[in-house]
Amino acid sequence: MSIANEPRRSPRINPTIVIAAIALVGSGIFLLYGITLRSKDQVPLLVTGAVVLGIVFAVLAVAGGIGAYRTASENRSGAALVNALGGGIAAIISFGLFAFAIVMGLVWQG
């Protein structure tokens, strides 16, 4: 049976992607709320929002690594490369958000 004769499957939405998208949007909105707030609680809200968003991106980085391993073991090197690049970019963003949260926490206490 050739590949051309197989019916196309519609892509299914993965529950992990839905949960990650909800967490990403929710923590992004919380961080934006902390940026627009002008009170004495602005810095703690920024730190909390940055930490939560950093955790979300760290989870996405781990998911990208797992996806890269899984697709590489199935001999799909193109998909593995995309997963690895996405996970690496998510890890860099995560580390940047954690660094921002640490610096803002130190500035707030100092």
PDB file of N, CA and C in Angstrom:
ATOM      1  N   MET A   1       0.856  -1.171   0.000  1.00  0.00           N
ATOM      2  CA  MET A   1       0.000   0.000   0.000  1.00  0.00           C
ATOM      3  C   MET A   1       0.896   1.225   0.000  1.00  0.00           C
ATOM      4  N   SER A   2       0.636   2.135  -0.884  1.00  0.00           N
ATOM      5  CA  SER A   2       1.482   3.326  -0.962  1.00  0.00           C
ATOM      6  C   SER A   2       0.971   4.403  -0.015  1.00  0.00           C
ATOM      7  N   ILE A   3       1.842   5.339   0.251  1.00  0.00           N
ATOM      8  CA  ILE A   3       1.511   6.423   1.164  1.00  0.00           C
ATOM      9  C   ILE A   3       0.446   7.326   0.559  1.00  0.00           C
ATOM     10  N   ALA A   4       0.423   7.474  -0.754  1.00  0.00           N
ATOM     11  CA  ALA A   4      -0.540   8.352  -1.411  1.00  0.00           C
ATOM     12  C   ALA A   4      -1.971   7.854  -1.245  1.00  0.00           C
ATOM     13  N   ASN A   5      -2.169   6.567  -1.049  1.00  0.00           N
ATOM     14  CA  ASN A   5      -3.514   6.019  -0.924  1.00  0.00           C
ATOM     15  C   ASN A   5      -4.062   6.065   0.495  1.00  0.00           C
ATOM     16  N   GLU A   6      -3.215   6.383   1.476  1.00  0.00           N
ATOM     17  CA  GLU A   6      -3.671   6.418   2.862  1.00  0.00           C
ATOM     18  C   GLU A   6      -4.471   7.695   3.103  1.00  0.00           C
ATOM     19  N   PRO A   7      -5.555   7.594   3.855  1.00  0.00           N
ATOM     20  CA  PRO A   7      -6.325   8.807   4.160  1.00  0.00           C
ATOM     21  C   PRO A   7      -5.546   9.705   5.117  1.00  0.00           C
ATOM     22  N   ARG A   8      -5.701  11.012   4.913  1.00  0.00           N
ATOM     23  CA  ARG A   8      -5.010  11.974   5.776  1.00  0.00           C
ATOM     24  C   ARG A   8      -5.707  12.052   7.118  1.00  0.00           C
ATOM     25  N   ARG A   9      -4.912  12.004   8.149  1.00  0.00           N
ATOM     26  CA  ARG A   9      -5.457  12.173   9.492  1.00  0.00           C
ATOM     27  C   ARG A   9      -5.421  13.645   9.844  1.00  0.00           C
ATOM     28  N   SER A  10      -6.436  14.103  10.514  1.00  0.00           N
ATOM     29  CA  SER A  10      -6.403  15.478  10.992  1.00  0.00           C
ATOM     30  C   SER A  10      -5.542  15.515  12.259  1.00  0.00           C
ATOM     31  N   PRO A  11      -4.757  16.556  12.425  1.00  0.00           N
ATOM     32  CA  PRO A  11      -3.905  16.608  13.609  1.00  0.00           C
ATOM     33  C   PRO A  11      -4.749  16.739  14.877  1.00  0.00           C
ATOM     34  N   ARG A  12      -4.421  15.900  15.844  1.00  0.00           N
ATOM     35  CA  ARG A  12      -5.147  15.952  17.108  1.00  0.00           C
ATOM     36  C   ARG A  12      -4.453  16.906  18.064  1.00  0.00           C
ATOM     37  N   ILE A  13      -5.224  17.579  18.866  1.00  0.00           N
ATOM     38  CA  ILE A  13      -4.662  18.506  19.843  1.00  0.00           C
ATOM     39  C   ILE A  13      -4.265  17.708  21.076  1.00  0.00           C
ATOM     40  N   ASN A  14      -3.018  17.872  21.465  1.00  0.00           N
ATOM     41  CA  ASN A  14      -2.468  17.174  22.605  1.00  0.00           C
ATOM     42  C   ASN A  14      -2.886  17.903  23.890  1.00  0.00           C
ATOM     43  N   PRO A  15      -3.321  17.204  24.943  1.00  0.00           N
ATOM     44  CA  PRO A  15      -3.693  17.885  26.190  1.00  0.00           C
ATOM     45  C   PRO A  15      -2.531  18.668  26.810  1.00  0.00           C
ATOM     46  N   THR A  16      -1.316  18.200  26.605  1.00  0.00           N
ATOM     47  CA  THR A  16      -0.159  18.925  27.137  1.00  0.00           C
ATOM     48  C   THR A  16      -0.035  20.282  26.475  1.00  0.00           C
ATOM     49  N   ILE A  17      -0.296  20.353  25.186  1.00  0.00           N
ATOM     50  CA  ILE A  17      -0.219  21.625  24.482  1.00  0.00           C
ATOM     51  C   ILE A  17      -1.301  22.576  24.985  1.00  0.00           C
ATOM     52  N   VAL A  18      -2.485  22.069  25.239  1.00  0.00           N
ATOM     53  CA  VAL A  18      -3.575  22.912  25.732  1.00  0.00           C
ATOM     54  C   VAL A  18      -3.245  23.465  27.112  1.00  0.00           C
ATOM     55  N   ILE A  19      -2.747  22.616  28.000  1.00  0.00           N
ATOM     56  CA  ILE A  19      -2.397  23.067  29.354  1.00  0.00           C
ATOM     57  C   ILE A  19      -1.253  24.063  29.302  1.00  0.00           C
ATOM     58  N   ALA A  20      -0.250  23.806  28.469  1.00  0.00           N
ATOM     59  CA  ALA A  20       0.873  24.738  28.345  1.00  0.00           C
ATOM     60  C   ALA A  20       0.423  26.072  27.773  1.00  0.00           C
ATOM     61  N   ALA A  21      -0.486  26.041  26.812  1.00  0.00           N
ATOM     62  CA  ALA A  21      -0.986  27.293  26.234  1.00  0.00           C
ATOM     63  C   ALA A  21      -1.777  28.096  27.256  1.00  0.00           C
ATOM     64  N   ILE A  22      -2.603  27.427  28.039  1.00  0.00           N
ATOM     65  CA  ILE A  22      -3.376  28.123  29.082  1.00  0.00           C
ATOM     66  C   ILE A  22      -2.439  28.715  30.125  1.00  0.00           C
ATOM     67  N   ALA A  23      -1.430  27.958  30.546  1.00  0.00           N
ATOM     68  CA  ALA A  23      -0.471  28.463  31.530  1.00  0.00           C
ATOM     69  C   ALA A  23       0.346  29.617  30.962  1.00  0.00           C
ATOM     70  N   LEU A  24       0.713  29.525  29.704  1.00  0.00           N
ATOM     71  CA  LEU A  24       1.490  30.583  29.061  1.00  0.00           C
ATOM     72  C   LEU A  24       0.687  31.874  28.972  1.00  0.00           C
ATOM     73  N   VAL A  25      -0.549  31.774  28.529  1.00  0.00           N
ATOM     74  CA  VAL A  25      -1.397  32.965  28.412  1.00  0.00           C
ATOM     75  C   VAL A  25      -1.722  33.534  29.792  1.00  0.00           C
ATOM     76  N   GLY A  26      -2.069  32.669  30.731  1.00  0.00           N
ATOM     77  CA  GLY A  26      -2.408  33.139  32.077  1.00  0.00           C
ATOM     78  C   GLY A  26      -1.257  33.828  32.783  1.00  0.00           C
ATOM     79  N   SER A  27      -0.077  33.234  32.736  1.00  0.00           N
ATOM     80  CA  SER A  27       1.064  33.863  33.404  1.00  0.00           C
ATOM     81  C   SER A  27       1.523  35.105  32.658  1.00  0.00           C
ATOM     82  N   GLY A  28       1.359  35.130  31.331  1.00  0.00           N
ATOM     83  CA  GLY A  28       1.680  36.339  30.575  1.00  0.00           C
ATOM     84  C   GLY A  28       0.763  37.491  30.934  1.00  0.00           C
ATOM     85  N   ILE A  29      -0.535  37.206  31.085  1.00  0.00           N
ATOM     86  CA  ILE A  29      -1.487  38.247  31.500  1.00  0.00           C
ATOM     87  C   ILE A  29      -1.172  38.728  32.902  1.00  0.00           C
ATOM     88  N   PHE A  30      -0.811  37.816  33.797  1.00  0.00           N
ATOM     89  CA  PHE A  30      -0.451  38.214  35.160  1.00  0.00           C
ATOM     90  C   PHE A  30       0.792  39.100  35.167  1.00  0.00           C
ATOM     91  N   LEU A  31       1.780  38.765  34.341  1.00  0.00           N
ATOM     92  CA  LEU A  31       2.990  39.579  34.250  1.00  0.00           C
ATOM     93  C   LEU A  31       2.666  40.955  33.673  1.00  0.00           C
ATOM     94  N   LEU A  32       1.816  41.022  32.672  1.00  0.00           N
ATOM     95  CA  LEU A  32       1.410  42.315  32.121  1.00  0.00           C
ATOM     96  C   LEU A  32       0.631  43.135  33.143  1.00  0.00           C
ATOM     97  N   TYR A  33      -0.183  42.488  33.956  1.00  0.00           N
ATOM     98  CA  TYR A  33      -0.880  43.191  35.031  1.00  0.00           C
ATOM     99  C   TYR A  33       0.122  43.771  36.030  1.00  0.00           C
ATOM    100  N   GLY A  34       1.145  43.008  36.348  1.00  0.00           N
ATOM    101  CA  GLY A  34       2.176  43.508  37.259  1.00  0.00           C
ATOM    102  C   GLY A  34       2.943  44.673  36.674  1.00  0.00           C
ATOM    103  N   ILE A  35       3.129  44.684  35.355  1.00  0.00           N
ATOM    104  CA  ILE A  35       3.831  45.807  34.718  1.00  0.00           C
ATOM    105  C   ILE A  35       2.976  47.067  34.753  1.00  0.00           C
ATOM    106  N   THR A  36       1.671  46.942  34.533  1.00  0.00           N
ATOM    107  CA  THR A  36       0.805  48.121  34.474  1.00  0.00           C
ATOM    108  C   THR A  36       0.405  48.632  35.851  1.00  0.00           C
ATOM    109  N   LEU A  37       0.536  47.842  36.888  1.00  0.00           N
ATOM    110  CA  LEU A  37       0.164  48.256  38.237  1.00  0.00           C
ATOM    111  C   LEU A  37       1.172  49.262  38.768  1.00  0.00           C
ATOM    112  N   ARG A  38       0.685  50.327  39.354  1.00  0.00           N
ATOM    113  CA  ARG A  38       1.571  51.341  39.934  1.00  0.00           C
ATOM    114  C   ARG A  38       1.279  51.456  41.425  1.00  0.00           C
ATOM    115  N   SER A  39       1.918  50.613  42.197  1.00  0.00           N
ATOM    116  CA  SER A  39       1.777  50.662  43.652  1.00  0.00           C
ATOM    117  C   SER A  39       3.013  50.032  44.271  1.00  0.00           C
ATOM    118  N   LYS A  40       2.993  49.935  45.591  1.00  0.00           N
ATOM    119  CA  LYS A  40       4.141  49.345  46.284  1.00  0.00           C
ATOM    120  C   LYS A  40       4.244  47.837  46.053  1.00  0.00           C
ATOM    121  N   ASP A  41       3.181  47.222  45.546  1.00  0.00           N
ATOM    122  CA  ASP A  41       3.184  45.779  45.294  1.00  0.00           C
ATOM    123  C   ASP A  41       3.609  45.429  43.878  1.00  0.00           C
ATOM    124  N   GLN A  42       4.101  46.386  43.104  1.00  0.00           N
ATOM    125  CA  GLN A  42       4.431  46.114  41.705  1.00  0.00           C
ATOM    126  C   GLN A  42       5.599  45.140  41.577  1.00  0.00           C
ATOM    127  N   VAL A  43       6.657  45.350  42.348  1.00  0.00           N
ATOM    128  CA  VAL A  43       7.842  44.496  42.206  1.00  0.00           C
ATOM    129  C   VAL A  43       7.561  43.053  42.633  1.00  0.00           C
ATOM    130  N   PRO A  44       6.880  42.818  43.767  1.00  0.00           N
ATOM    131  CA  PRO A  44       6.565  41.415  44.085  1.00  0.00           C
ATOM    132  C   PRO A  44       5.685  40.734  43.032  1.00  0.00           C
ATOM    133  N   LEU A  45       4.763  41.485  42.433  1.00  0.00           N
ATOM    134  CA  LEU A  45       3.940  40.905  41.374  1.00  0.00           C
ATOM    135  C   LEU A  45       4.782  40.593  40.141  1.00  0.00           C
ATOM    136  N   LEU A  46       5.718  41.465  39.801  1.00  0.00           N
ATOM    137  CA  LEU A  46       6.606  41.204  38.670  1.00  0.00           C
ATOM    138  C   LEU A  46       7.466  39.968  38.919  1.00  0.00           C
ATOM    139  N   VAL A  47       7.981  39.843  40.130  1.00  0.00           N
ATOM    140  CA  VAL A  47       8.817  38.693  40.466  1.00  0.00           C
ATOM    141  C   VAL A  47       7.996  37.403  40.382  1.00  0.00           C
ATOM    142  N   THR A  48       6.791  37.427  40.944  1.00  0.00           N
ATOM    143  CA  THR A  48       5.935  36.245  40.911  1.00  0.00           C
ATOM    144  C   THR A  48       5.559  35.872  39.477  1.00  0.00           C
ATOM    145  N   GLY A  49       5.193  36.870  38.689  1.00  0.00           N
ATOM    146  CA  GLY A  49       4.841  36.603  37.299  1.00  0.00           C
ATOM    147  C   GLY A  49       6.016  36.063  36.507  1.00  0.00           C
ATOM    148  N   ALA A  50       7.207  36.611  36.743  1.00  0.00           N
ATOM    149  CA  ALA A  50       8.390  36.131  36.021  1.00  0.00           C
ATOM    150  C   ALA A  50       8.746  34.696  36.424  1.00  0.00           C
ATOM    151  N   VAL A  51       8.604  34.371  37.692  1.00  0.00           N
ATOM    152  CA  VAL A  51       8.910  33.007  38.145  1.00  0.00           C
ATOM    153  C   VAL A  51       7.921  32.009  37.547  1.00  0.00           C
ATOM    154  N   VAL A  52       6.636  32.351  37.569  1.00  0.00           N
ATOM    155  CA  VAL A  52       5.625  31.435  37.025  1.00  0.00           C
ATOM    156  C   VAL A  52       5.827  31.264  35.524  1.00  0.00           C
ATOM    157  N   LEU A  53       6.084  32.359  34.807  1.00  0.00           N
ATOM    158  CA  LEU A  53       6.328  32.258  33.369  1.00  0.00           C
ATOM    159  C   LEU A  53       7.621  31.491  33.087  1.00  0.00           C
ATOM    160  N   GLY A  54       8.628  31.654  33.951  1.00  0.00           N
ATOM    161  CA  GLY A  54       9.865  30.883  33.816  1.00  0.00           C
ATOM    162  C   GLY A  54       9.630  29.397  34.000  1.00  0.00           C
ATOM    163  N   ILE A  55       8.769  29.048  34.949  1.00  0.00           N
ATOM    164  CA  ILE A  55       8.440  27.634  35.157  1.00  0.00           C
ATOM    165  C   ILE A  55       7.719  27.063  33.938  1.00  0.00           C
ATOM    166  N   VAL A  56       6.806  27.837  33.366  1.00  0.00           N
ATOM    167  CA  VAL A  56       6.085  27.378  32.176  1.00  0.00           C
ATOM    168  C   VAL A  56       7.063  27.139  31.026  1.00  0.00           C
ATOM    169  N   PHE A  57       7.997  28.075  30.819  1.00  0.00           N
ATOM    170  CA  PHE A  57       8.966  27.886  29.739  1.00  0.00           C
ATOM    171  C   PHE A  57       9.931  26.742  30.046  1.00  0.00           C
ATOM    172  N   ALA A  58      10.243  26.499  31.323  1.00  0.00           N
ATOM    173  CA  ALA A  58      11.096  25.357  31.669  1.00  0.00           C
ATOM    174  C   ALA A  58      10.382  24.044  31.343  1.00  0.00           C
ATOM    175  N   VAL A  59       9.085  23.977  31.620  1.00  0.00           N
ATOM    176  CA  VAL A  59       8.310  22.784  31.277  1.00  0.00           C
ATOM    177  C   VAL A  59       8.275  22.597  29.758  1.00  0.00           C
ATOM    178  N   LEU A  60       8.111  23.701  29.018  1.00  0.00           N
ATOM    179  CA  LEU A  60       8.132  23.610  27.563  1.00  0.00           C
ATOM    180  C   LEU A  60       9.499  23.156  27.056  1.00  0.00           C
ATOM    181  N   ALA A  61      10.574  23.579  27.716  1.00  0.00           N
ATOM    182  CA  ALA A  61      11.917  23.149  27.316  1.00  0.00           C
ATOM    183  C   ALA A  61      12.099  21.652  27.532  1.00  0.00           C
ATOM    184  N   VAL A  62      11.622  21.157  28.659  1.00  0.00           N
ATOM    185  CA  VAL A  62      11.707  19.719  28.923  1.00  0.00           C
ATOM    186  C   VAL A  62      10.857  18.944  27.922  1.00  0.00           C
ATOM    187  N   ALA A  63       9.669  19.465  27.625  1.00  0.00           N
ATOM    188  CA  ALA A  63       8.816  18.797  26.634  1.00  0.00           C
ATOM    189  C   ALA A  63       9.477  18.793  25.258  1.00  0.00           C
ATOM    190  N   GLY A  64      10.178  19.875  24.922  1.00  0.00           N
ATOM    191  CA  GLY A  64      10.897  19.915  23.658  1.00  0.00           C
ATOM    192  C   GLY A  64      12.025  18.896  23.611  1.00  0.00           C
ATOM    193  N   GLY A  65      12.730  18.729  24.725  1.00  0.00           N
ATOM    194  CA  GLY A  65      13.789  17.726  24.791  1.00  0.00           C
ATOM    195  C   GLY A  65      13.256  16.310  24.671  1.00  0.00           C
ATOM    196  N   ILE A  66      12.156  16.052  25.357  1.00  0.00           N
ATOM    197  CA  ILE A  66      11.548  14.725  25.267  1.00  0.00           C
ATOM    198  C   ILE A  66      11.029  14.465  23.855  1.00  0.00           C
ATOM    199  N   GLY A  67      10.418  15.490  23.272  1.00  0.00           N
ATOM    200  CA  GLY A  67       9.927  15.338  21.902  1.00  0.00           C
ATOM    201  C   GLY A  67      11.060  15.125  20.913  1.00  0.00           C
ATOM    202  N   ALA A  68      12.184  15.813  21.128  1.00  0.00           N
ATOM    203  CA  ALA A  68      13.337  15.625  20.240  1.00  0.00           C
ATOM    204  C   ALA A  68      13.882  14.210  20.356  1.00  0.00           C
ATOM    205  N   TYR A  69      13.967  13.687  21.556  1.00  0.00           N
ATOM    206  CA  TYR A  69      14.448  12.321  21.742  1.00  0.00           C
ATOM    207  C   TYR A  69      13.508  11.311  21.095  1.00  0.00           C
ATOM    208  N   ARG A  70      12.202  11.520  21.305  1.00  0.00           N
ATOM    209  CA  ARG A  70      11.217  10.586  20.762  1.00  0.00           C
ATOM    210  C   ARG A  70      11.227  10.585  19.233  1.00  0.00           C
ATOM    211  N   THR A  71      11.252  11.778  18.647  1.00  0.00           N
ATOM    212  CA  THR A  71      11.224  11.831  17.187  1.00  0.00           C
ATOM    213  C   THR A  71      12.549  11.383  16.575  1.00  0.00           C
ATOM    214  N   ALA A  72      13.661  11.602  17.274  1.00  0.00           N
ATOM    215  CA  ALA A  72      14.945  11.119  16.756  1.00  0.00           C
ATOM    216  C   ALA A  72      15.015   9.600  16.805  1.00  0.00           C
ATOM    217  N   SER A  73      14.410   9.009  17.826  1.00  0.00           N
ATOM    218  CA  SER A  73      14.420   7.550  17.899  1.00  0.00           C
ATOM    219  C   SER A  73      13.510   6.922  16.842  1.00  0.00           C
ATOM    220  N   GLU A  74      12.586   7.712  16.291  1.00  0.00           N
ATOM    221  CA  GLU A  74      11.720   7.238  15.208  1.00  0.00           C
ATOM    222  C   GLU A  74      12.304   7.591  13.838  1.00  0.00           C
ATOM    223  N   ASN A  75      13.556   8.017  13.799  1.00  0.00           N
ATOM    224  CA  ASN A  75      14.254   8.388  12.561  1.00  0.00           C
ATOM    225  C   ASN A  75      13.576   9.535  11.816  1.00  0.00           C
ATOM    226  N   ARG A  76      13.042  10.485  12.551  1.00  0.00           N
ATOM    227  CA  ARG A  76      12.473  11.699  11.949  1.00  0.00           C
ATOM    228  C   ARG A  76      13.348  12.877  12.377  1.00  0.00           C
ATOM    229  N   SER A  77      14.445  13.028  11.684  1.00  0.00           N
ATOM    230  CA  SER A  77      15.448  13.995  12.116  1.00  0.00           C
ATOM    231  C   SER A  77      14.985  15.441  11.970  1.00  0.00           C
ATOM    232  N   GLY A  78      14.158  15.737  10.985  1.00  0.00           N
ATOM    233  CA  GLY A  78      13.663  17.107  10.824  1.00  0.00           C
ATOM    234  C   GLY A  78      12.799  17.531  12.002  1.00  0.00           C
ATOM    235  N   ALA A  79      11.886  16.667  12.408  1.00  0.00           N
ATOM    236  CA  ALA A  79      11.029  16.958  13.557  1.00  0.00           C
ATOM    237  C   ALA A  79      11.848  17.016  14.839  1.00  0.00           C
ATOM    238  N   ALA A  80      12.871  16.175  14.944  1.00  0.00           N
ATOM    239  CA  ALA A  80      13.733  16.207  16.126  1.00  0.00           C
ATOM    240  C   ALA A  80      14.480  17.534  16.219  1.00  0.00           C
ATOM    241  N   LEU A  81      14.939  18.036  15.075  1.00  0.00           N
ATOM    242  CA  LEU A  81      15.634  19.316  15.062  1.00  0.00           C
ATOM    243  C   LEU A  81      14.714  20.451  15.492  1.00  0.00           C
ATOM    244  N   VAL A  82      13.491  20.445  14.994  1.00  0.00           N
ATOM    245  CA  VAL A  82      12.531  21.488  15.368  1.00  0.00           C
ATOM    246  C   VAL A  82      12.210  21.419  16.849  1.00  0.00           C
ATOM    247  N   ASN A  83      12.010  20.214  17.375  1.00  0.00           N
ATOM    248  CA  ASN A  83      11.748  20.055  18.807  1.00  0.00           C
ATOM    249  C   ASN A  83      12.932  20.512  19.647  1.00  0.00           C
ATOM    250  N   ALA A  84      14.137  20.176  19.224  1.00  0.00           N
ATOM    251  CA  ALA A  84      15.327  20.564  19.976  1.00  0.00           C
ATOM    252  C   ALA A  84      15.513  22.079  19.956  1.00  0.00           C
ATOM    253  N   LEU A  85      15.306  22.695  18.801  1.00  0.00           N
ATOM    254  CA  LEU A  85      15.439  24.156  18.726  1.00  0.00           C
ATOM    255  C   LEU A  85      14.373  24.855  19.565  1.00  0.00           C
ATOM    256  N   GLY A  86      13.142  24.378  19.484  1.00  0.00           N
ATOM    257  CA  GLY A  86      12.069  24.966  20.293  1.00  0.00           C
ATOM    258  C   GLY A  86      12.330  24.808  21.781  1.00  0.00           C
ATOM    259  N   GLY A  87      12.793  23.626  22.183  1.00  0.00           N
ATOM    260  CA  GLY A  87      13.117  23.408  23.594  1.00  0.00           C
ATOM    261  C   GLY A  87      14.288  24.258  24.052  1.00  0.00           C
ATOM    262  N   GLY A  88      15.280  24.424  23.194  1.00  0.00           N
ATOM    263  CA  GLY A  88      16.431  25.262  23.553  1.00  0.00           C
ATOM    264  C   GLY A  88      16.053  26.721  23.695  1.00  0.00           C
ATOM    265  N   ILE A  89      15.226  27.217  22.793  1.00  0.00           N
ATOM    266  CA  ILE A  89      14.778  28.609  22.892  1.00  0.00           C
ATOM    267  C   ILE A  89      13.924  28.796  24.141  1.00  0.00           C
ATOM    268  N   ALA A  90      13.063  27.833  24.447  1.00  0.00           N
ATOM    269  CA  ALA A  90      12.253  27.912  25.661  1.00  0.00           C
ATOM    270  C   ALA A  90      13.133  27.898  26.909  1.00  0.00           C
ATOM    271  N   ALA A  91      14.219  27.126  26.897  1.00  0.00           N
ATOM    272  CA  ALA A  91      15.133  27.090  28.043  1.00  0.00           C
ATOM    273  C   ALA A  91      15.837  28.435  28.224  1.00  0.00           C
ATOM    274  N   ILE A  92      16.257  29.055  27.123  1.00  0.00           N
ATOM    275  CA  ILE A  92      16.917  30.363  27.214  1.00  0.00           C
ATOM    276  C   ILE A  92      15.951  31.404  27.776  1.00  0.00           C
ATOM    277  N   ILE A  93      14.707  31.405  27.301  1.00  0.00           N
ATOM    278  CA  ILE A  93      13.710  32.338  27.826  1.00  0.00           C
ATOM    279  C   ILE A  93      13.459  32.080  29.304  1.00  0.00           C
ATOM    280  N   SER A  94      13.398  30.807  29.682  1.00  0.00           N
ATOM    281  CA  SER A  94      13.179  30.447  31.078  1.00  0.00           C
ATOM    282  C   SER A  94      14.302  30.963  31.978  1.00  0.00           C
ATOM    283  N   PHE A  95      15.544  30.751  31.555  1.00  0.00           N
ATOM    284  CA  PHE A  95      16.667  31.239  32.358  1.00  0.00           C
ATOM    285  C   PHE A  95      16.673  32.761  32.439  1.00  0.00           C
ATOM    286  N   GLY A  96      16.294  33.429  31.356  1.00  0.00           N
ATOM    287  CA  GLY A  96      16.213  34.887  31.378  1.00  0.00           C
ATOM    288  C   GLY A  96      15.152  35.386  32.346  1.00  0.00           C
ATOM    289  N   LEU A  97      14.007  34.714  32.379  1.00  0.00           N
ATOM    290  CA  LEU A  97      12.948  35.106  33.309  1.00  0.00           C
ATOM    291  C   LEU A  97      13.349  34.848  34.753  1.00  0.00           C
ATOM    292  N   PHE A  98      14.041  33.728  35.009  1.00  0.00           N
ATOM    293  CA  PHE A  98      14.512  33.469  36.368  1.00  0.00           C
ATOM    294  C   PHE A  98      15.544  34.517  36.795  1.00  0.00           C
ATOM    295  N   ALA A  99      16.431  34.897  35.886  1.00  0.00           N
ATOM    296  CA  ALA A  99      17.417  35.934  36.200  1.00  0.00           C
ATOM    297  C   ALA A  99      16.738  37.265  36.467  1.00  0.00           C
ATOM    298  N   PHE A 100      15.728  37.604  35.668  1.00  0.00           N
ATOM    299  CA  PHE A 100      14.972  38.841  35.882  1.00  0.00           C
ATOM    300  C   PHE A 100      14.316  38.833  37.252  1.00  0.00           C
ATOM    301  N   ALA A 101      13.722  37.692  37.627  1.00  0.00           N
ATOM    302  CA  ALA A 101      13.059  37.596  38.927  1.00  0.00           C
ATOM    303  C   ALA A 101      14.058  37.749  40.066  1.00  0.00           C
ATOM    304  N   ILE A 102      15.247  37.167  39.929  1.00  0.00           N
ATOM    305  CA  ILE A 102      16.262  37.290  40.985  1.00  0.00           C
ATOM    306  C   ILE A 102      16.729  38.727  41.113  1.00  0.00           C
ATOM    307  N   VAL A 103      17.007  39.367  39.989  1.00  0.00           N
ATOM    308  CA  VAL A 103      17.477  40.758  40.022  1.00  0.00           C
ATOM    309  C   VAL A 103      16.413  41.678  40.606  1.00  0.00           C
ATOM    310  N   MET A 104      15.170  41.506  40.186  1.00  0.00           N
ATOM    311  CA  MET A 104      14.093  42.353  40.714  1.00  0.00           C
ATOM    312  C   MET A 104      13.883  42.113  42.206  1.00  0.00           C
ATOM    313  N   GLY A 105      14.004  40.866  42.652  1.00  0.00           N
ATOM    314  CA  GLY A 105      13.902  40.597  44.081  1.00  0.00           C
ATOM    315  C   GLY A 105      15.016  41.253  44.874  1.00  0.00           C
ATOM    316  N   LEU A 106      16.229  41.235  44.335  1.00  0.00           N
ATOM    317  CA  LEU A 106      17.346  41.894  45.021  1.00  0.00           C
ATOM    318  C   LEU A 106      17.196  43.400  45.032  1.00  0.00           C
ATOM    319  N   VAL A 107      16.701  43.964  43.939  1.00  0.00           N
ATOM    320  CA  VAL A 107      16.489  45.410  43.878  1.00  0.00           C
ATOM    321  C   VAL A 107      15.412  45.830  44.857  1.00  0.00           C
ATOM    322  N   TRP A 108      14.358  45.031  44.979  1.00  0.00           N
ATOM    323  CA  TRP A 108      13.251  45.379  45.867  1.00  0.00           C
ATOM    324  C   TRP A 108      13.685  45.352  47.340  1.00  0.00           C
ATOM    325  N   GLN A 109      14.538  44.394  47.693  1.00  0.00           N
ATOM    326  CA  GLN A 109      15.002  44.303  49.078  1.00  0.00           C
ATOM    327  C   GLN A 109      16.090  45.309  49.389  1.00  0.00           C
ATOM    328  N   GLY A 110      16.823  45.781  48.384  1.00  0.00           N
ATOM    329  CA  GLY A 110      17.947  46.685  48.599  1.00  0.00           C
ATOM    330  C   GLY A 110      17.503  48.086  48.603  1.00  0.00           C
TER     331      GLY A 110
END
